[in-house]
C-alpha atoms as a PDB file:
ATOM      1  CA  MET A   1       0.000   0.000   0.000  1.00  0.00           C
ATOM      2  CA  ARG A   2       1.328   3.373  -1.014  1.00  0.00           C
ATOM      3  CA  GLY A   3      -0.014   6.700  -1.950  1.00  0.00           C
ATOM      4  CA  ARG A   4      -1.155  10.021  -0.602  1.00  0.00           C
ATOM      5  CA  VAL A   5      -4.779  10.602   0.211  1.00  0.00           C
ATOM      6  CA  ALA A   6      -7.012  13.635   0.525  1.00  0.00           C
ATOM      7  CA  LEU A   7     -10.509  12.451   1.408  1.00  0.00           C
ATOM      8  CA  SER A   8     -13.482  14.477   2.499  1.00  0.00           C
ATOM      9  CA  ALA A   9     -15.831  13.274   5.249  1.00  0.00           C
ATOM     10  CA  GLU A  10     -17.998  11.639   2.588  1.00  0.00           C
ATOM     11  CA  ILE A  11     -16.270   9.149   0.329  1.00  0.00           C
ATOM     12  CA  THR A  12     -17.196   8.747  -3.327  1.00  0.00           C
ATOM     13  CA  PHE A  13     -17.160   5.035  -4.175  1.00  0.00           C
ATOM     14  CA  VAL A  14     -17.189   4.524  -7.924  1.00  0.00           C
ATOM     15  CA  THR A  15     -19.640   1.655  -8.240  1.00  0.00           C
ATOM     16  CA  SER A  16     -23.062   1.034  -9.696  1.00  0.00           C
ATOM     17  CA  ASN A  17     -23.743  -1.431  -6.879  1.00  0.00           C
ATOM     18  CA  PRO A  18     -25.418   0.264  -3.879  1.00  0.00           C
ATOM     19  CA  GLY A  19     -24.744  -2.882  -1.817  1.00  0.00           C
ATOM     20  CA  LYS A  20     -20.999  -2.312  -2.138  1.00  0.00           C
ATOM     21  CA  ALA A  21     -21.422   1.304  -1.012  1.00  0.00           C
ATOM     22  CA  ARG A  22     -23.419   0.183   2.056  1.00  0.00           C
ATOM     23  CA  GLU A  23     -20.718  -2.344   2.933  1.00  0.00           C
ATOM     24  CA  ALA A  24     -18.017   0.300   2.461  1.00  0.00           C
ATOM     25  CA  SER A  25     -19.852   2.707   4.771  1.00  0.00           C
ATOM     26  CA  HIS A  26     -20.120  -0.047   7.399  1.00  0.00           C
ATOM     27  CA  PHE A  27     -16.449  -0.986   7.121  1.00  0.00           C
ATOM     28  CA  LEU A  28     -15.102   2.585   7.099  1.00  0.00           C
ATOM     29  CA  GLY A  29     -17.527   4.020   9.672  1.00  0.00           C
ATOM     30  CA  ARG A  30     -18.205   7.093   7.553  1.00  0.00           C
ATOM     31  CA  PRO A  31     -20.632   8.093   4.795  1.00  0.00           C
ATOM     32  CA  VAL A  32     -19.966   6.503   1.429  1.00  0.00           C
ATOM     33  CA  VAL A  33     -21.915   7.489  -1.679  1.00  0.00           C
ATOM     34  CA  ALA A  34     -22.089   5.348  -4.792  1.00  0.00           C
ATOM     35  CA  ALA A  35     -21.191   7.110  -8.028  1.00  0.00           C
ATOM     36  CA  PRO A  36     -21.828   4.965 -11.079  1.00  0.00           C
ATOM     37  CA  LEU A  37     -19.277   5.709 -13.753  1.00  0.00           C
ATOM     38  CA  ASP A  38     -18.583   3.693 -16.870  1.00  0.00           C
ATOM     39  CA  LEU A  39     -14.820   3.263 -16.833  1.00  0.00           C
ATOM     40  CA  PRO A  40     -12.598   1.441 -19.267  1.00  0.00           C
ATOM     41  CA  GLU A  41     -11.122  -1.533 -17.467  1.00  0.00           C
ATOM     42  CA  ILE A  42      -7.708  -2.826 -18.413  1.00  0.00           C
ATOM     43  CA  GLN A  43      -7.503  -6.543 -19.063  1.00  0.00           C
ATOM     44  CA  SER A  44      -5.116  -7.973 -16.510  1.00  0.00           C
ATOM     45  CA  LEU A  45      -5.015 -10.829 -14.028  1.00  0.00           C
ATOM     46  CA  ASP A  46      -3.340  -8.475 -11.521  1.00  0.00           C
ATOM     47  CA  PHE A  47      -5.961  -6.955  -9.197  1.00  0.00           C
ATOM     48  CA  VAL A  48      -3.631  -4.138  -8.092  1.00  0.00           C
ATOM     49  CA  GLU A  49      -2.890  -3.095 -11.660  1.00  0.00           C
ATOM     50  CA  VAL A  50      -6.621  -3.038 -12.452  1.00  0.00           C
ATOM     51  CA  VAL A  51      -7.669  -0.933  -9.428  1.00  0.00           C
ATOM     52  CA  ARG A  52      -4.819   1.531  -9.828  1.00  0.00           C
ATOM     53  CA  ALA A  53      -5.826   2.230 -13.417  1.00  0.00           C
ATOM     54  CA  LYS A  54      -9.531   2.458 -12.512  1.00  0.00           C
ATOM     55  CA  ALA A  55      -8.857   4.819  -9.589  1.00  0.00           C
ATOM     56  CA  VAL A  56      -6.708   7.201 -11.639  1.00  0.00           C
ATOM     57  CA  ALA A  57      -9.283   7.295 -14.462  1.00  0.00           C
ATOM     58  CA  ALA A  58     -12.235   7.816 -12.081  1.00  0.00           C
ATOM     59  CA  ALA A  59     -10.529  10.566 -10.047  1.00  0.00           C
ATOM     60  CA  ALA A  60      -9.592  12.413 -13.250  1.00  0.00           C
ATOM     61  CA  GLU A  61     -13.114  12.069 -14.664  1.00  0.00           C
ATOM     62  CA  LEU A  62     -14.915  13.170 -11.469  1.00  0.00           C
ATOM     63  CA  GLY A  63     -12.336  15.748 -10.383  1.00  0.00           C
ATOM     64  CA  ARG A  64     -12.254  14.526  -6.783  1.00  0.00           C
ATOM     65  CA  SER A  65     -10.805  11.753  -4.649  1.00  0.00           C
ATOM     66  CA  VAL A  66     -12.470   8.410  -5.203  1.00  0.00           C
ATOM     67  CA  LEU A  67     -12.546   4.863  -3.932  1.00  0.00           C
ATOM     68  CA  VAL A  68     -12.733   1.967  -6.386  1.00  0.00           C
ATOM     69  CA  GLU A  69     -12.813  -1.779  -5.949  1.00  0.00           C
ATOM     70  CA  ASP A  70     -12.238  -4.803  -8.070  1.00  0.00           C
ATOM     71  CA  SER A  71     -13.026  -8.250  -6.794  1.00  0.00           C
ATOM     72  CA  GLY A  72     -13.008 -11.742  -8.148  1.00  0.00           C
ATOM     73  CA  LEU A  73     -12.262 -15.377  -7.650  1.00  0.00           C
ATOM     74  CA  GLU A  74      -8.875 -16.984  -8.129  1.00  0.00           C
ATOM     75  CA  VAL A  75      -9.643 -20.638  -8.842  1.00  0.00           C
ATOM     76  CA  LYS A  76      -6.755 -22.884  -7.815  1.00  0.00           C
ATOM     77  CA  ALA A  77      -7.376 -25.552 -10.482  1.00  0.00           C
ATOM     78  CA  TRP A  78      -7.189 -22.851 -13.162  1.00  0.00           C
ATOM     79  CA  GLY A  79      -3.987 -21.199 -11.929  1.00  0.00           C
ATOM     80  CA  GLY A  80      -5.814 -18.166 -10.508  1.00  0.00           C
ATOM     81  CA  PHE A  81      -8.150 -17.561 -13.445  1.00  0.00           C
ATOM     82  CA  PRO A  82     -10.599 -15.791 -13.753  1.00  0.00           C
ATOM     83  CA  GLY A  83      -9.306 -13.320 -11.114  1.00  0.00           C
ATOM     84  CA  PRO A  84     -10.321  -9.743 -12.003  1.00  0.00           C
ATOM     85  CA  MET A  85     -12.257 -11.091 -14.993  1.00  0.00           C
ATOM     86  CA  THR A  86     -14.771 -12.986 -12.813  1.00  0.00           C
ATOM     87  CA  LYS A  87     -17.428 -10.322 -13.289  1.00  0.00           C
ATOM     88  CA  TRP A  88     -17.236 -10.533 -17.075  1.00  0.00           C
ATOM     89  CA  ILE A  89     -17.526 -14.313 -17.054  1.00  0.00           C
ATOM     90  CA  THR A  90     -20.485 -14.438 -14.673  1.00  0.00           C
ATOM     91  CA  LEU A  91     -22.367 -11.568 -16.335  1.00  0.00           C
ATOM     92  CA  GLY A  92     -22.082 -13.159 -19.768  1.00  0.00           C
ATOM     93  CA  PRO A  93     -23.897 -16.169 -21.174  1.00  0.00           C
ATOM     94  CA  LEU A  94     -21.948 -18.530 -18.896  1.00  0.00           C
ATOM     95  CA  GLY A  95     -23.373 -16.996 -15.712  1.00  0.00           C
ATOM     96  CA  GLN A  96     -22.860 -18.231 -12.140  1.00  0.00           C
ATOM     97  CA  GLU A  97     -24.242 -21.691 -12.967  1.00  0.00           C
ATOM     98  CA  GLY A  98     -21.848 -22.096 -15.892  1.00  0.00           C
ATOM     99  CA  LEU A  99     -18.850 -21.035 -13.837  1.00  0.00           C
ATOM    100  CA  ALA A 100     -19.762 -23.635 -11.189  1.00  0.00           C
ATOM    101  CA  ARG A 101     -20.253 -26.375 -13.819  1.00  0.00           C
ATOM    102  CA  MET A 102     -16.891 -25.615 -15.421  1.00  0.00           C
ATOM    103  CA  LEU A 103     -15.235 -26.855 -12.231  1.00  0.00           C
ATOM    104  CA  ASP A 104     -17.084 -30.201 -12.293  1.00  0.00           C
ATOM    105  CA  ALA A 105     -14.215 -31.777 -14.256  1.00  0.00           C
ATOM    106  CA  PHE A 106     -11.696 -30.845 -11.546  1.00  0.00           C
ATOM    107  CA  PRO A 107     -11.324 -32.611  -8.182  1.00  0.00           C
ATOM    108  CA  ASP A 108     -10.234 -29.377  -6.488  1.00  0.00           C
ATOM    109  CA  ARG A 109     -12.903 -26.654  -6.152  1.00  0.00           C
ATOM    110  CA  SER A 110     -10.765 -24.404  -3.934  1.00  0.00           C
ATOM    111  CA  ALA A 111     -10.685 -20.707  -4.694  1.00  0.00           C
ATOM    112  CA  THR A 112      -9.609 -17.444  -3.150  1.00  0.00           C
ATOM    113  CA  ALA A 113     -11.989 -14.502  -2.996  1.00  0.00           C
ATOM    114  CA  VAL A 114     -10.037 -11.281  -3.560  1.00  0.00           C
ATOM    115  CA  SER A 115     -10.994  -7.647  -3.020  1.00  0.00           C
ATOM    116  CA  ALA A 116      -8.627  -4.891  -4.109  1.00  0.00           C
ATOM    117  CA  LEU A 117      -9.423  -1.301  -3.101  1.00  0.00           C
ATOM    118  CA  ALA A 118      -7.778   1.860  -4.341  1.00  0.00           C
ATOM    119  CA  ILE A 119      -8.111   5.523  -3.405  1.00  0.00           C
ATOM    120  CA  ALA A 120      -6.870   8.166  -5.799  1.00  0.00           C
ATOM    121  CA  SER A 121      -6.920  11.948  -6.053  1.00  0.00           C
ATOM    122  CA  PRO A 122      -7.268  13.690  -9.424  1.00  0.00           C
ATOM    123  CA  SER A 123      -3.550  14.458  -9.667  1.00  0.00           C
ATOM    124  CA  ASP A 124      -2.321  10.963  -8.729  1.00  0.00           C
ATOM    125  CA  ARG A 125      -0.271   8.790 -11.030  1.00  0.00           C
ATOM    126  CA  PRO A 126      -0.846   5.008 -10.772  1.00  0.00           C
ATOM    127  CA  GLU A 127       2.199   4.473  -8.542  1.00  0.00           C
ATOM    128  CA  GLU A 128       0.858   7.088  -6.055  1.00  0.00           C
ATOM    129  CA  VAL A 129      -2.535   5.412  -5.591  1.00  0.00           C
ATOM    130  CA  LEU A 130      -3.270   3.972  -2.146  1.00  0.00           C
ATOM    131  CA  VAL A 131      -4.092   0.256  -2.540  1.00  0.00           C
ATOM    132  CA  ALA A 132      -5.309  -2.372  -0.066  1.00  0.00           C
ATOM    133  CA  VAL A 133      -6.009  -6.035  -0.801  1.00  0.00           C
ATOM    134  CA  GLY A 134      -8.005  -8.608   1.154  1.00  0.00           C
ATOM    135  CA  ARG A 135      -8.050 -12.335   0.469  1.00  0.00           C
ATOM    136  CA  ARG A 136     -10.299 -15.115   1.838  1.00  0.00           C
ATOM    137  CA  GLU A 137      -9.686 -18.782   1.122  1.00  0.00           C
ATOM    138  CA  GLY A 138     -12.596 -21.093   0.364  1.00  0.00           C
ATOM    139  CA  SER A 139     -14.183 -23.136  -2.408  1.00  0.00           C
ATOM    140  CA  LEU A 140     -16.860 -22.873  -5.064  1.00  0.00           C
ATOM    141  CA  ALA A 141     -20.201 -24.591  -4.532  1.00  0.00           C
ATOM    142  CA  PRO A 142     -21.331 -27.063  -7.230  1.00  0.00           C
ATOM    143  CA  SER A 143     -24.228 -24.717  -8.079  1.00  0.00           C
ATOM    144  CA  PRO A 144     -25.426 -21.249  -7.020  1.00  0.00           C
ATOM    145  CA  ARG A 145     -27.029 -21.114  -3.563  1.00  0.00           C
ATOM    146  CA  GLY A 146     -28.660 -18.302  -1.608  1.00  0.00           C
ATOM    147  CA  ALA A 147     -30.382 -15.016  -2.304  1.00  0.00           C
ATOM    148  CA  GLY A 148     -28.300 -12.512  -0.316  1.00  0.00           C
ATOM    149  CA  GLY A 149     -25.206 -10.574  -1.243  1.00  0.00           C
ATOM    150  CA  PHE A 150     -24.336  -9.832  -4.845  1.00  0.00           C
ATOM    151  CA  GLY A 151     -22.314 -11.132  -7.747  1.00  0.00           C
ATOM    152  CA  TRP A 152     -20.605 -14.456  -7.179  1.00  0.00           C
ATOM    153  CA  ASP A 153     -21.584 -14.570  -3.477  1.00  0.00           C
ATOM    154  CA  VAL A 154     -23.932 -17.408  -4.556  1.00  0.00           C
ATOM    155  CA  LEU A 155     -20.895 -19.595  -5.306  1.00  0.00           C
ATOM    156  CA  PHE A 156     -18.224 -18.813  -2.713  1.00  0.00           C
ATOM    157  CA  VAL A 157     -18.062 -20.880   0.492  1.00  0.00           C
ATOM    158  CA  PRO A 158     -15.353 -19.540   2.838  1.00  0.00           C
ATOM    159  CA  ASP A 159     -13.113 -22.043   4.615  1.00  0.00           C
ATOM    160  CA  GLY A 160     -14.689 -23.210   7.861  1.00  0.00           C
ATOM    161  CA  ALA A 161     -18.244 -22.591   6.585  1.00  0.00           C
ATOM    162  CA  THR A 162     -20.842 -24.743   4.855  1.00  0.00           C
ATOM    163  CA  ARG A 163     -22.895 -21.908   3.378  1.00  0.00           C
ATOM    164  CA  THR A 164     -22.138 -19.545   0.516  1.00  0.00           C
ATOM    165  CA  TYR A 165     -21.806 -15.834   1.206  1.00  0.00           C
ATOM    166  CA  ALA A 166     -25.279 -15.444  -0.340  1.00  0.00           C
ATOM    167  CA  GLU A 167     -26.735 -17.837   2.247  1.00  0.00           C
ATOM    168  CA  MET A 168     -25.256 -15.880   5.164  1.00  0.00           C
ATOM    169  CA  PRO A 169     -26.811 -12.829   6.814  1.00  0.00           C
ATOM    170  CA  ALA A 170     -24.806  -9.715   5.859  1.00  0.00           C
ATOM    171  CA  GLY A 171     -23.492  -9.311   9.400  1.00  0.00           C
ATOM    172  CA  GLU A 172     -22.021 -12.796   9.383  1.00  0.00           C
ATOM    173  CA  LYS A 173     -20.486 -12.416   5.933  1.00  0.00           C
ATOM    174  CA  ASN A 174     -18.978  -9.055   6.878  1.00  0.00           C
ATOM    175  CA  LEU A 175     -17.175 -10.447   9.921  1.00  0.00           C
ATOM    176  CA  ASP A 176     -14.304 -11.886   7.884  1.00  0.00           C
ATOM    177  CA  SER A 177     -14.939 -11.625   4.150  1.00  0.00           C
ATOM    178  CA  HIS A 178     -12.352 -10.749   1.513  1.00  0.00           C
ATOM    179  CA  ARG A 179     -13.900  -7.262   1.398  1.00  0.00           C
ATOM    180  CA  ALA A 180     -13.803  -6.918   5.213  1.00  0.00           C
ATOM    181  CA  ARG A 181     -10.114  -7.797   5.139  1.00  0.00           C
ATOM    182  CA  ALA A 182      -9.422  -5.284   2.341  1.00  0.00           C
ATOM    183  CA  PHE A 183     -11.245  -2.513   4.209  1.00  0.00           C
ATOM    184  CA  ALA A 184      -9.365  -3.355   7.426  1.00  0.00           C
ATOM    185  CA  ALA A 185      -6.092  -2.948   5.511  1.00  0.00           C
ATOM    186  CA  LEU A 186      -7.396   0.302   3.979  1.00  0.00           C
ATOM    187  CA  ARG A 187      -8.386   1.726   7.397  1.00  0.00           C
ATOM    188  CA  GLU A 188      -4.907   0.919   8.672  1.00  0.00           C
ATOM    189  CA  ALA A 189      -3.303   2.622   5.671  1.00  0.00           C
ATOM    190  CA  LEU A 190      -5.533   5.693   6.039  1.00  0.00           C
ATOM    191  CA  ALA A 191      -4.636   5.958   9.735  1.00  0.00           C
ATOM    192  CA  GLY A 192      -1.017   6.320   8.667  1.00  0.00           C
ATOM    193  CA  HIS A 193      -1.789   9.276   6.388  1.00  0.00           C
END
């Protein structure tokens, strides 16, 4: 984690997902507003590279400091794929069900849920962006389960649990999720600024 940060009391989280903004507000203990913004996203399997580029582009476009996130699943049997591209796979024709079925041919369904957060000011270059990453080990369920959460929460079962994130109440999921870990690292980094 590096960077310099100038945040106001209210944080602008560049996301079209109000659920992510609510989680961010809970984790940071301060107001977070969602600002949907269509950003070009670089194609990379490196979460840090993706969030740095997104943060710089969003801060320049909005003219203020912003928070961005990228999250995904690193599937062990696939060498970490799809990583930051998880969203694009699950939103396409394959969907959550297809992603789960693709693992049926592999004996190992283990995966790591990753959340990478970045805060950038309008004048920041990518190497100046503050970045925090959280990781949570687990596995992918054989098929989607649950109605809570968002995105691939219907597939991810954290180690030590039997339910997917989508089957857990939000309070339980937020105790030790990949996103909770990323925000804990971000709070620590912000305290040092």
